PDB file of N, CA and C in Angstrom:
ATOM      1  N   UNK A   1      96.123  88.822 155.296  1.00  0.00           N
ATOM      2  CA  UNK A   1      97.231  87.895 156.022  1.00  0.00           C
ATOM      3  C   UNK A   1      98.477  88.223 155.848  1.00  0.00           C
ATOM      4  N   UNK A   2      99.324  88.153 156.913  1.00  0.00           N
ATOM      5  CA  UNK A   2     100.782  88.255 157.051  1.00  0.00           C
ATOM      6  C   UNK A   2     101.418  87.144 156.194  1.00  0.00           C
ATOM      7  N   UNK A   3     102.597  87.685 155.412  1.00  0.00           N
ATOM      8  CA  UNK A   3     103.483  86.288 154.905  1.00  0.00           C
ATOM      9  C   UNK A   3     104.950  86.812 154.909  1.00  0.00           C
ATOM     10  N   UNK A   4     105.793  85.742 155.266  1.00  0.00           N
ATOM     11  CA  UNK A   4     107.236  85.824 155.251  1.00  0.00           C
ATOM     12  C   UNK A   4     107.659  84.871 153.935  1.00  0.00           C
ATOM     13  N   UNK A   5     108.342  85.760 153.240  1.00  0.00           N
ATOM     14  CA  UNK A   5     108.767  85.008 151.997  1.00  0.00           C
ATOM     15  C   UNK A   5     110.400  85.016 152.165  1.00  0.00           C
ATOM     16  N   UNK A   6     111.186  83.880 152.110  1.00  0.00           N
ATOM     17  CA  UNK A   6     112.836  83.799 151.664  1.00  0.00           C
ATOM     18  C   UNK A   6     112.854  82.726 150.638  1.00  0.00           C
ATOM     19  N   UNK A   7     113.993  83.177 149.963  1.00  0.00           N
ATOM     20  CA  UNK A   7     114.343  82.519 148.788  1.00  0.00           C
ATOM     21  C   UNK A   7     115.995  82.485 148.888  1.00  0.00           C
ATOM     22  N   UNK A   8     116.342  81.288 147.757  1.00  0.00           N
ATOM     23  CA  UNK A   8     117.730  81.182 147.755  1.00  0.00           C
ATOM     24  C   UNK A   8     117.861  80.769 146.142  1.00  0.00           C
ATOM     25  N   UNK A   9     118.245  81.979 145.366  1.00  0.00           N
ATOM     26  CA  UNK A   9     118.168  81.531 144.127  1.00  0.00           C
ATOM     27  C   UNK A   9     119.811  81.538 143.669  1.00  0.00           C
ATOM     28  N   UNK A  10     120.250  81.127 142.698  1.00  0.00           N
ATOM     29  CA  UNK A  10     121.614  80.774 142.110  1.00  0.00           C
ATOM     30  C   UNK A  10     121.831  82.124 141.294  1.00  0.00           C
ATOM     31  N   UNK A  11     120.603  82.299 140.035  1.00  0.00           N
ATOM     32  CA  UNK A  11     120.619  83.143 139.406  1.00  0.00           C
ATOM     33  C   UNK A  11     120.284  84.526 139.321  1.00  0.00           C
ATOM     34  N   UNK A  12     121.133  85.547 139.285  1.00  0.00           N
ATOM     35  CA  UNK A  12     120.932  87.073 139.198  1.00  0.00           C
ATOM     36  C   UNK A  12     119.675  87.278 138.688  1.00  0.00           C
ATOM     37  N   UNK A  13     119.310  87.192 137.576  1.00  0.00           N
ATOM     38  CA  UNK A  13     118.351  87.642 136.675  1.00  0.00           C
ATOM     39  C   UNK A  13     117.027  87.238 137.827  1.00  0.00           C
ATOM     40  N   UNK A  14     116.884  85.788 137.634  1.00  0.00           N
ATOM     41  CA  UNK A  14     115.645  85.322 138.800  1.00  0.00           C
ATOM     42  C   UNK A  14     115.282  85.810 139.997  1.00  0.00           C
ATOM     43  N   UNK A  15     116.669  86.218 140.851  1.00  0.00           N
ATOM     44  CA  UNK A  15     116.380  86.764 142.054  1.00  0.00           C
ATOM     45  C   UNK A  15     115.995  88.257 141.871  1.00  0.00           C
ATOM     46  N   UNK A  16     116.463  88.528 141.088  1.00  0.00           N
ATOM     47  CA  UNK A  16     116.183  90.002 140.787  1.00  0.00           C
ATOM     48  C   UNK A  16     114.682  90.367 140.722  1.00  0.00           C
ATOM     49  N   UNK A  17     114.446  89.457 139.481  1.00  0.00           N
ATOM     50  CA  UNK A  17     112.993  89.384 139.207  1.00  0.00           C
ATOM     51  C   UNK A  17     112.020  88.980 140.332  1.00  0.00           C
ATOM     52  N   UNK A  18     112.313  88.274 141.368  1.00  0.00           N
ATOM     53  CA  UNK A  18     111.741  87.900 142.128  1.00  0.00           C
ATOM     54  C   UNK A  18     111.392  88.711 143.863  1.00  0.00           C
ATOM     55  N   UNK A  19     112.904  89.819 143.598  1.00  0.00           N
ATOM     56  CA  UNK A  19     112.926  90.731 144.280  1.00  0.00           C
ATOM     57  C   UNK A  19     111.327  91.971 144.050  1.00  0.00           C
ATOM     58  N   UNK A  20     111.755  92.016 142.617  1.00  0.00           N
ATOM     59  CA  UNK A  20     110.681  93.129 142.045  1.00  0.00           C
ATOM     60  C   UNK A  20     109.342  92.367 142.537  1.00  0.00           C
ATOM     61  N   UNK A  21     109.018  91.612 142.529  1.00  0.00           N
ATOM     62  CA  UNK A  21     107.602  90.894 142.386  1.00  0.00           C
ATOM     63  C   UNK A  21     107.168  91.073 143.821  1.00  0.00           C
ATOM     64  N   UNK A  22     108.104  90.666 144.633  1.00  0.00           N
ATOM     65  CA  UNK A  22     107.711  90.713 146.045  1.00  0.00           C
ATOM     66  C   UNK A  22     107.875  92.225 146.660  1.00  0.00           C
ATOM     67  N   UNK A  23     108.356  93.198 146.146  1.00  0.00           N
ATOM     68  CA  UNK A  23     108.029  94.545 146.191  1.00  0.00           C
ATOM     69  C   UNK A  23     106.732  95.118 145.624  1.00  0.00           C
ATOM     70  N   UNK A  24     106.360  94.845 144.233  1.00  0.00           N
ATOM     71  CA  UNK A  24     105.234  94.824 143.752  1.00  0.00           C
ATOM     72  C   UNK A  24     103.724  94.126 144.372  1.00  0.00           C
ATOM     73  N   UNK A  25     104.136  93.404 145.238  1.00  0.00           N
ATOM     74  CA  UNK A  25     103.053  92.849 145.906  1.00  0.00           C
ATOM     75  C   UNK A  25     102.664  93.540 147.274  1.00  0.00           C
ATOM     76  N   UNK A  26     103.630  94.515 147.427  1.00  0.00           N
ATOM     77  CA  UNK A  26     103.593  95.123 149.088  1.00  0.00           C
ATOM     78  C   UNK A  26     104.335  94.747 149.888  1.00  0.00           C
ATOM     79  N   UNK A  27     105.204  93.776 149.894  1.00  0.00           N
ATOM     80  CA  UNK A  27     106.060  93.308 150.769  1.00  0.00           C
ATOM     81  C   UNK A  27     107.531  94.383 151.105  1.00  0.00           C
ATOM     82  N   UNK A  28     107.938  93.934 151.999  1.00  0.00           N
ATOM     83  CA  UNK A  28     108.842  94.955 152.423  1.00  0.00           C
ATOM     84  C   UNK A  28     110.212  93.971 152.792  1.00  0.00           C
ATOM     85  N   UNK A  29     111.344  94.287 152.300  1.00  0.00           N
ATOM     86  CA  UNK A  29     112.552  93.426 152.463  1.00  0.00           C
ATOM     87  C   UNK A  29     113.266  93.854 153.930  1.00  0.00           C
ATOM     88  N   UNK A  30     113.318  92.692 154.534  1.00  0.00           N
ATOM     89  CA  UNK A  30     113.657  92.892 156.081  1.00  0.00           C
ATOM     90  C   UNK A  30     115.440  92.103 156.018  1.00  0.00           C
ATOM     91  N   UNK A  31     115.559  91.265 155.041  1.00  0.00           N
ATOM     92  CA  UNK A  31     117.125  91.196 154.608  1.00  0.00           C
ATOM     93  C   UNK A  31     117.278  90.664 153.337  1.00  0.00           C
ATOM     94  N   UNK A  32     118.692  90.408 152.755  1.00  0.00           N
ATOM     95  CA  UNK A  32     118.553  90.589 151.423  1.00  0.00           C
ATOM     96  C   UNK A  32     117.628  89.427 150.581  1.00  0.00           C
ATOM     97  N   UNK A  33     117.228  88.433 150.916  1.00  0.00           N
ATOM     98  CA  UNK A  33     116.661  87.379 150.393  1.00  0.00           C
ATOM     99  C   UNK A  33     115.181  86.938 151.270  1.00  0.00           C
ATOM    100  N   UNK A  34     114.884  88.196 152.013  1.00  0.00           N
ATOM    101  CA  UNK A  34     113.860  88.018 152.634  1.00  0.00           C
ATOM    102  C   UNK A  34     112.865  89.219 153.068  1.00  0.00           C
ATOM    103  N   UNK A  35     111.533  88.501 152.830  1.00  0.00           N
ATOM    104  CA  UNK A  35     110.589  89.825 152.913  1.00  0.00           C
ATOM    105  C   UNK A  35     109.065  89.188 153.642  1.00  0.00           C
ATOM    106  N   UNK A  36     108.560  90.510 153.964  1.00  0.00           N
ATOM    107  CA  UNK A  36     107.377  90.190 154.910  1.00  0.00           C
ATOM    108  C   UNK A  36     106.774  91.415 154.961  1.00  0.00           C
ATOM    109  N   UNK A  37     105.384  90.789 155.165  1.00  0.00           N
ATOM    110  CA  UNK A  37     104.300  92.007 154.717  1.00  0.00           C
ATOM    111  C   UNK A  37     102.937  91.404 154.818  1.00  0.00           C
ATOM    112  N   UNK A  38     101.910  92.107 154.305  1.00  0.00           N
ATOM    113  CA  UNK A  38     100.412  91.842 154.337  1.00  0.00           C
ATOM    114  C   UNK A  38      99.888  91.889 152.970  1.00  0.00           C
ATOM    115  N   UNK A  39      99.181  90.572 152.389  1.00  0.00           N
ATOM    116  CA  UNK A  39      98.776  90.711 151.339  1.00  0.00           C
ATOM    117  C   UNK A  39      97.378  89.721 151.558  1.00  0.00           C
ATOM    118  N   UNK A  40      96.515  90.458 150.614  1.00  0.00           N
ATOM    119  CA  UNK A  40      95.116  89.706 150.552  1.00  0.00           C
ATOM    120  C   UNK A  40      95.064  88.553 149.917  1.00  0.00           C
ATOM    121  N   UNK A  41      94.234  87.536 150.042  1.00  0.00           N
ATOM    122  CA  UNK A  41      94.357  86.364 149.154  1.00  0.00           C
ATOM    123  C   UNK A  41      94.583  86.359 148.004  1.00  0.00           C
ATOM    124  N   UNK A  42      93.772  87.401 146.916  1.00  0.00           N
ATOM    125  CA  UNK A  42      93.860  87.396 145.518  1.00  0.00           C
ATOM    126  C   UNK A  42      95.463  87.781 145.509  1.00  0.00           C
ATOM    127  N   UNK A  43      95.934  88.420 145.724  1.00  0.00           N
ATOM    128  CA  UNK A  43      97.431  89.231 145.461  1.00  0.00           C
ATOM    129  C   UNK A  43      98.231  87.981 145.752  1.00  0.00           C
ATOM    130  N   UNK A  44      98.186  87.494 147.099  1.00  0.00           N
ATOM    131  CA  UNK A  44      99.222  86.374 147.488  1.00  0.00           C
ATOM    132  C   UNK A  44      98.902  85.049 146.232  1.00  0.00           C
ATOM    133  N   UNK A  45      98.000  84.795 145.829  1.00  0.00           N
ATOM    134  CA  UNK A  45      97.403  83.629 145.019  1.00  0.00           C
ATOM    135  C   UNK A  45      98.318  83.991 143.779  1.00  0.00           C
ATOM    136  N   UNK A  46      97.994  85.305 143.291  1.00  0.00           N
ATOM    137  CA  UNK A  46      98.645  85.704 142.065  1.00  0.00           C
ATOM    138  C   UNK A  46     100.407  85.444 142.010  1.00  0.00           C
ATOM    139  N   UNK A  47     100.740  85.981 143.235  1.00  0.00           N
ATOM    140  CA  UNK A  47     102.269  86.166 143.361  1.00  0.00           C
ATOM    141  C   UNK A  47     102.336  84.644 143.194  1.00  0.00           C
ATOM    142  N   UNK A  48     101.914  83.856 144.079  1.00  0.00           N
ATOM    143  CA  UNK A  48     102.273  82.475 143.796  1.00  0.00           C
ATOM    144  C   UNK A  48     102.596  82.024 142.275  1.00  0.00           C
ATOM    145  N   UNK A  49     101.650  82.086 141.956  1.00  0.00           N
ATOM    146  CA  UNK A  49     101.481  81.726 140.305  1.00  0.00           C
ATOM    147  C   UNK A  49     102.636  82.301 139.499  1.00  0.00           C
ATOM    148  N   UNK A  50     103.476  83.741 139.911  1.00  0.00           N
ATOM    149  CA  UNK A  50     104.319  84.127 139.228  1.00  0.00           C
ATOM    150  C   UNK A  50     105.545  83.650 139.697  1.00  0.00           C
ATOM    151  N   UNK A  51     105.691  83.004 140.908  1.00  0.00           N
ATOM    152  CA  UNK A  51     106.835  82.453 141.511  1.00  0.00           C
ATOM    153  C   UNK A  51     106.886  81.292 140.794  1.00  0.00           C
ATOM    154  N   UNK A  52     105.842  80.576 140.758  1.00  0.00           N
ATOM    155  CA  UNK A  52     106.141  79.033 140.114  1.00  0.00           C
ATOM    156  C   UNK A  52     106.337  79.099 138.973  1.00  0.00           C
ATOM    157  N   UNK A  53     105.978  80.072 137.916  1.00  0.00           N
ATOM    158  CA  UNK A  53     106.374  80.007 136.205  1.00  0.00           C
ATOM    159  C   UNK A  53     107.621  80.553 136.224  1.00  0.00           C
ATOM    160  N   UNK A  54     108.400  81.328 137.373  1.00  0.00           N
ATOM    161  CA  UNK A  54     109.730  81.319 137.204  1.00  0.00           C
ATOM    162  C   UNK A  54     110.622  80.107 137.412  1.00  0.00           C
ATOM    163  N   UNK A  55     110.207  79.499 138.302  1.00  0.00           N
ATOM    164  CA  UNK A  55     110.741  78.162 138.477  1.00  0.00           C
ATOM    165  C   UNK A  55     110.918  77.306 137.326  1.00  0.00           C
ATOM    166  N   UNK A  56     110.113  77.581 136.387  1.00  0.00           N
ATOM    167  CA  UNK A  56     110.314  76.898 135.270  1.00  0.00           C
ATOM    168  C   UNK A  56     111.019  77.001 134.032  1.00  0.00           C
ATOM    169  N   UNK A  57     111.730  78.423 134.617  1.00  0.00           N
ATOM    170  CA  UNK A  57     112.765  78.855 133.459  1.00  0.00           C
ATOM    171  C   UNK A  57     113.624  78.105 133.341  1.00  0.00           C
ATOM    172  N   UNK A  58     114.229  77.617 132.308  1.00  0.00           N
ATOM    173  CA  UNK A  58     115.892  76.939 132.350  1.00  0.00           C
ATOM    174  C   UNK A  58     117.096  77.519 133.113  1.00  0.00           C
ATOM    175  N   UNK A  59     116.812  78.582 133.641  1.00  0.00           N
ATOM    176  CA  UNK A  59     117.736  79.202 134.411  1.00  0.00           C
ATOM    177  C   UNK A  59     117.869  78.601 135.842  1.00  0.00           C
ATOM    178  N   UNK A  60     116.698  78.009 136.135  1.00  0.00           N
ATOM    179  CA  UNK A  60     116.173  77.778 137.618  1.00  0.00           C
ATOM    180  C   UNK A  60     117.215  76.153 137.925  1.00  0.00           C
ATOM    181  N   UNK A  61     117.873  76.472 138.684  1.00  0.00           N
ATOM    182  CA  UNK A  61     118.828  75.333 139.368  1.00  0.00           C
ATOM    183  C   UNK A  61     117.895  74.695 140.462  1.00  0.00           C
ATOM    184  N   UNK A  62     118.598  73.339 140.333  1.00  0.00           N
ATOM    185  CA  UNK A  62     117.732  72.138 140.963  1.00  0.00           C
ATOM    186  C   UNK A  62     117.728  72.416 142.751  1.00  0.00           C
ATOM    187  N   UNK A  63     119.189  73.490 143.175  1.00  0.00           N
ATOM    188  CA  UNK A  63     118.682  73.771 144.829  1.00  0.00           C
ATOM    189  C   UNK A  63     118.261  74.872 144.870  1.00  0.00           C
ATOM    190  N   UNK A  64     117.416  75.636 143.808  1.00  0.00           N
ATOM    191  CA  UNK A  64     116.733  77.025 144.116  1.00  0.00           C
ATOM    192  C   UNK A  64     115.452  76.710 145.042  1.00  0.00           C
ATOM    193  N   UNK A  65     115.176  77.433 145.965  1.00  0.00           N
ATOM    194  CA  UNK A  65     113.867  76.907 146.521  1.00  0.00           C
ATOM    195  C   UNK A  65     113.046  78.751 147.027  1.00  0.00           C
ATOM    196  N   UNK A  66     112.122  78.709 147.208  1.00  0.00           N
ATOM    197  CA  UNK A  66     111.300  79.907 147.705  1.00  0.00           C
ATOM    198  C   UNK A  66     110.560  79.348 148.881  1.00  0.00           C
ATOM    199  N   UNK A  67     110.369  80.048 150.014  1.00  0.00           N
ATOM    200  CA  UNK A  67     109.775  79.619 151.290  1.00  0.00           C
ATOM    201  C   UNK A  67     108.549  80.642 151.025  1.00  0.00           C
ATOM    202  N   UNK A  68     107.349  79.890 151.180  1.00  0.00           N
ATOM    203  CA  UNK A  68     106.306  80.925 151.362  1.00  0.00           C
ATOM    204  C   UNK A  68     105.471  80.576 152.617  1.00  0.00           C
ATOM    205  N   UNK A  69     105.800  81.492 153.525  1.00  0.00           N
ATOM    206  CA  UNK A  69     105.118  81.326 155.244  1.00  0.00           C
ATOM    207  C   UNK A  69     104.193  82.124 155.646  1.00  0.00           C
ATOM    208  N   UNK A  70     102.845  81.577 155.578  1.00  0.00           N
ATOM    209  CA  UNK A  70     101.968  82.709 156.244  1.00  0.00           C
ATOM    210  C   UNK A  70     102.093  82.770 157.822  1.00  0.00           C
ATOM    211  N   UNK A  71     101.892  84.089 158.147  1.00  0.00           N
ATOM    212  CA  UNK A  71     102.322  84.270 159.570  1.00  0.00           C
ATOM    213  C   UNK A  71     100.552  84.576 160.391  1.00  0.00           C
ATOM    214  N   UNK A  72     100.176  83.465 160.966  1.00  0.00           N
ATOM    215  CA  UNK A  72      99.203  83.745 161.733  1.00  0.00           C
ATOM    216  C   UNK A  72      98.902  84.630 162.870  1.00  0.00           C
ATOM    217  N   UNK A  73      97.865  84.784 163.283  1.00  0.00           N
ATOM    218  CA  UNK A  73      97.789  86.007 164.593  1.00  0.00           C
ATOM    219  C   UNK A  73      99.017  85.396 165.837  1.00  0.00           C
ATOM    220  N   UNK A  74      98.754  84.177 165.967  1.00  0.00           N
ATOM    221  CA  UNK A  74      99.668  83.802 167.142  1.00  0.00           C
ATOM    222  C   UNK A  74     101.068  84.204 166.949  1.00  0.00           C
ATOM    223  N   UNK A  75     101.423  84.161 165.750  1.00  0.00           N
ATOM    224  CA  UNK A  75     103.071  84.546 165.313  1.00  0.00           C
ATOM    225  C   UNK A  75     103.122  86.019 165.266  1.00  0.00           C
ATOM    226  N   UNK A  76     102.221  86.608 164.683  1.00  0.00           N
ATOM    227  CA  UNK A  76     102.171  87.952 164.935  1.00  0.00           C
ATOM    228  C   UNK A  76     102.700  88.789 166.366  1.00  0.00           C
ATOM    229  N   UNK A  77     101.307  88.093 167.193  1.00  0.00           N
ATOM    230  CA  UNK A  77     101.261  88.433 168.513  1.00  0.00           C
ATOM    231  C   UNK A  77     102.780  88.263 169.162  1.00  0.00           C
ATOM    232  N   UNK A  78     103.494  86.980 168.954  1.00  0.00           N
ATOM    233  CA  UNK A  78     104.860  86.923 169.652  1.00  0.00           C
ATOM    234  C   UNK A  78     106.071  87.301 168.772  1.00  0.00           C
ATOM    235  N   UNK A  79     105.968  88.110 167.618  1.00  0.00           N
ATOM    236  CA  UNK A  79     106.968  88.520 167.113  1.00  0.00           C
ATOM    237  C   UNK A  79     107.847  89.747 167.667  1.00  0.00           C
ATOM    238  N   UNK A  80     109.342  89.236 167.353  1.00  0.00           N
ATOM    239  CA  UNK A  80     110.291  90.120 168.143  1.00  0.00           C
ATOM    240  C   UNK A  80     111.215  90.454 166.889  1.00  0.00           C
ATOM    241  N   UNK A  81     111.502  91.760 167.298  1.00  0.00           N
ATOM    242  CA  UNK A  81     112.766  92.399 166.035  1.00  0.00           C
ATOM    243  C   UNK A  81     113.671  93.135 166.845  1.00  0.00           C
ATOM    244  N   UNK A  82     114.760  92.816 166.476  1.00  0.00           N
ATOM    245  CA  UNK A  82     115.765  93.396 167.308  1.00  0.00           C
ATOM    246  C   UNK A  82     117.064  94.126 166.012  1.00  0.00           C
ATOM    247  N   UNK A  83     116.963  95.218 166.206  1.00  0.00           N
ATOM    248  CA  UNK A  83     118.209  96.145 165.002  1.00  0.00           C
ATOM    249  C   UNK A  83     117.239  96.811 164.121  1.00  0.00           C
TER     250      UNK A  83
END
């Protein structure tokens, strides 16, 4: 399934670690804090566990967040990219 993952993280080290995890999972950066790509369920589940582990770090701020959005076939069929 395709996923769109976006994050807003204050700490530089955690933000860098998130980007590394997303790239290793096979996702592609489309904006600074937005990645998109296809992942099989085991990879997506492992990634979610790794991201949750990062949210338990003391550097994690109350306002930090990560959005994991599965893109269903309807979304993919109607996707538009400009630029």
